[in-house]
Amino acid sequence: MESEPTRSSHFFSAGSCQRMARLFNLGNVIAVAPGLVMAPWILLGDPPHMTLIFMFILMVVPPILWFGVSIAIYTIARHHPNERVGHYTQQAAYRFYGAFGIVIPVGTFYGTQWQLWIMTGGIVALILIPWSLWDLHRIQQEPWQDTYGEGETQ
């Protein structure tokens, strides 16, 4: 005989809500920061061939990994009982997915001109990093409150 699920209340501290609201913005910064650092070095310097390949990998791999992880973070945080957590997560997701959504169609015309790909990575980082840092500042300044959420347990 199966038991029916019961409703229970879960407690989320103000600090926990604030940390969850920061998560997507922090991921954005960490994923694109190598692009901001590497793009000028690659384009303005004359790195050896192996170094160039390594730097290009550092620019490409973190955003791809963050794209996959961010989907899980978005799913968890967007429906958080504290609606401010969902708001900040959604805004950060719009920026990240929008920036990389533009890269794909625009990059179609780049072909094998790797300099354009490097410049695009730097431009995306120049847009995303300050915006995400501004959001992190807003999250820090906002007065957070403890939240209770409903959930089902067996």
Protein backbone atom coordinates (compact mmCIF):
# COMPACT_ATOMS: atom_id res chain seq x y z
CA MET A 1 0.00 0.00 0.00
CA GLU A 2 1.45 3.35 -1.07
CA SER A 3 1.42 6.30 1.25
CA GLU A 4 0.18 9.62 -0.02
CA PRO A 5 2.66 12.46 -0.24
CA THR A 6 2.39 15.06 2.48
CA ARG A 7 3.03 18.80 2.27
CA SER A 8 5.95 20.13 4.27
CA SER A 9 7.46 23.56 4.74
CA HIS A 10 11.13 24.11 3.96
CA PHE A 11 13.15 26.93 5.50
CA PHE A 12 15.55 29.00 3.37
CA SER A 13 17.73 31.47 5.28
CA ALA A 14 18.30 34.97 3.93
CA GLY A 15 21.96 34.11 3.32
CA SER A 16 21.00 30.97 1.40
CA CYS A 17 18.64 32.97 -0.82
CA GLN A 18 21.33 35.57 -1.47
CA ARG A 19 23.91 32.90 -2.38
CA MET A 20 21.49 31.22 -4.77
CA ALA A 21 20.70 34.58 -6.42
CA ARG A 22 24.43 35.17 -7.00
CA LEU A 23 25.12 31.78 -8.55
CA PHE A 24 24.20 32.41 -12.19
CA ASN A 25 25.98 35.77 -12.31
CA LEU A 26 29.13 34.26 -10.79
CA GLY A 27 29.02 31.50 -13.39
CA ASN A 28 28.74 34.09 -16.16
CA VAL A 29 31.80 35.95 -14.90
CA ILE A 30 33.90 32.82 -14.43
CA ALA A 31 32.93 31.42 -17.85
CA VAL A 32 33.79 34.49 -19.91
CA ALA A 33 36.64 36.04 -17.87
CA PRO A 34 39.30 34.04 -19.78
CA GLY A 35 37.99 35.62 -22.99
CA LEU A 36 38.48 39.10 -21.60
CA VAL A 37 42.04 38.29 -20.55
CA MET A 38 43.11 36.18 -23.52
CA ALA A 39 41.60 38.12 -26.45
CA PRO A 40 43.89 41.17 -26.25
CA TRP A 41 46.92 38.99 -25.54
CA ILE A 42 46.23 36.80 -28.57
CA LEU A 43 45.31 39.63 -30.94
CA LEU A 44 47.93 42.21 -29.91
CA GLY A 45 50.79 39.89 -28.99
CA ASP A 46 52.55 37.30 -31.04
CA PRO A 47 52.18 34.10 -29.00
CA PRO A 48 53.85 30.89 -30.20
CA HIS A 49 51.59 28.42 -32.01
CA MET A 50 51.11 26.00 -29.09
CA THR A 51 50.41 28.86 -26.70
CA LEU A 52 47.84 30.25 -29.13
CA ILE A 53 46.03 26.91 -29.22
CA PHE A 54 46.07 26.65 -25.42
CA MET A 55 44.71 30.19 -25.01
CA PHE A 56 41.98 29.55 -27.58
CA ILE A 57 40.93 26.44 -25.64
CA LEU A 58 40.82 28.52 -22.43
CA MET A 59 38.47 30.94 -24.18
CA VAL A 60 36.15 28.29 -25.64
CA VAL A 61 35.85 25.49 -23.07
CA PRO A 62 34.59 27.41 -19.98
CA PRO A 63 31.58 28.97 -21.77
CA ILE A 64 30.64 25.59 -23.24
CA LEU A 65 30.85 23.89 -19.84
CA TRP A 66 28.96 26.75 -18.19
CA PHE A 67 26.25 26.49 -20.85
CA GLY A 68 25.54 22.92 -19.73
CA VAL A 69 25.81 23.57 -15.99
CA SER A 70 23.79 26.79 -16.25
CA ILE A 71 20.76 24.88 -17.48
CA ALA A 72 20.68 22.91 -14.22
CA ILE A 73 21.31 26.06 -12.14
CA TYR A 74 18.52 27.88 -13.96
CA THR A 75 16.10 25.02 -13.42
CA ILE A 76 16.80 24.97 -9.69
CA ALA A 77 17.05 28.69 -8.99
CA ARG A 78 14.33 30.08 -11.27
CA HIS A 79 11.57 28.38 -9.28
CA HIS A 80 13.04 29.15 -5.85
CA PRO A 81 10.41 30.07 -3.22
CA ASN A 82 12.00 33.52 -2.88
CA GLU A 83 10.92 35.28 -6.06
CA ARG A 84 13.93 37.65 -6.01
CA VAL A 85 16.21 34.63 -6.48
CA GLY A 86 14.22 33.69 -9.57
CA HIS A 87 14.32 37.27 -10.85
CA TYR A 88 18.11 37.63 -10.61
CA THR A 89 18.62 34.16 -12.10
CA GLN A 90 16.34 34.91 -15.01
CA GLN A 91 18.03 38.23 -15.77
CA ALA A 92 21.51 36.65 -15.71
CA ALA A 93 20.29 33.82 -17.94
CA TYR A 94 18.80 36.26 -20.46
CA ARG A 95 22.15 38.00 -20.73
CA PHE A 96 24.22 34.83 -21.07
CA TYR A 97 21.96 32.98 -23.50
CA GLY A 98 21.31 36.18 -25.47
CA ALA A 99 25.01 36.97 -25.87
CA PHE A 100 25.87 33.47 -27.00
CA GLY A 101 22.72 33.24 -29.08
CA ILE A 102 24.00 36.16 -31.14
CA VAL A 103 27.48 34.63 -31.51
CA ILE A 104 26.18 31.60 -33.42
CA PRO A 105 24.45 33.35 -36.36
CA VAL A 106 27.05 36.13 -36.54
CA GLY A 107 29.90 33.63 -36.31
CA THR A 108 28.49 31.74 -39.28
CA PHE A 109 30.01 34.41 -41.51
CA TYR A 110 33.45 34.21 -39.84
CA GLY A 111 34.43 30.89 -41.35
CA THR A 112 38.02 30.13 -40.43
CA GLN A 113 39.01 33.72 -39.61
CA TRP A 114 40.00 32.90 -36.05
CA GLN A 115 40.81 36.56 -35.25
CA LEU A 116 37.10 37.39 -35.54
CA TRP A 117 36.20 34.55 -33.18
CA ILE A 118 38.74 35.84 -30.65
CA MET A 119 37.40 39.41 -30.94
CA THR A 120 33.85 38.17 -30.47
CA GLY A 121 34.84 36.31 -27.30
CA GLY A 122 36.41 39.48 -25.95
CA ILE A 123 33.38 41.59 -26.86
CA VAL A 124 30.99 39.14 -25.20
CA ALA A 125 33.15 39.25 -22.07
CA LEU A 126 33.20 43.07 -22.16
CA ILE A 127 29.41 43.06 -22.17
CA LEU A 128 28.68 40.23 -19.73
CA ILE A 129 31.27 40.83 -17.00
CA PRO A 130 30.38 44.43 -16.03
CA TRP A 131 26.66 43.68 -16.24
CA SER A 132 27.02 40.58 -14.05
CA LEU A 133 29.24 42.44 -11.57
CA TRP A 134 26.62 45.18 -11.35
CA ASP A 135 23.95 42.56 -10.63
CA LEU A 136 26.18 40.98 -7.96
CA HIS A 137 26.49 44.42 -6.35
CA ARG A 138 22.69 44.84 -6.42
CA ILE A 139 22.23 41.39 -4.89
CA GLN A 140 24.68 42.29 -2.12
CA GLN A 141 22.86 45.57 -1.36
CA GLU A 142 19.35 44.09 -1.36
CA PRO A 143 17.82 43.27 2.04
CA TRP A 144 17.19 39.52 2.00
CA GLN A 145 14.67 37.77 4.23
CA ASP A 146 14.19 34.22 5.40
CA THR A 147 11.76 32.32 3.18
CA TYR A 148 9.55 29.30 3.68
CA GLY A 149 8.67 27.09 0.73
CA GLU A 150 6.18 24.31 0.30
CA GLY A 151 7.24 20.92 -0.95
CA GLU A 152 6.02 17.33 -1.13
CA THR A 153 7.61 14.51 0.82
CA GLN A 154 6.88 10.80 0.86
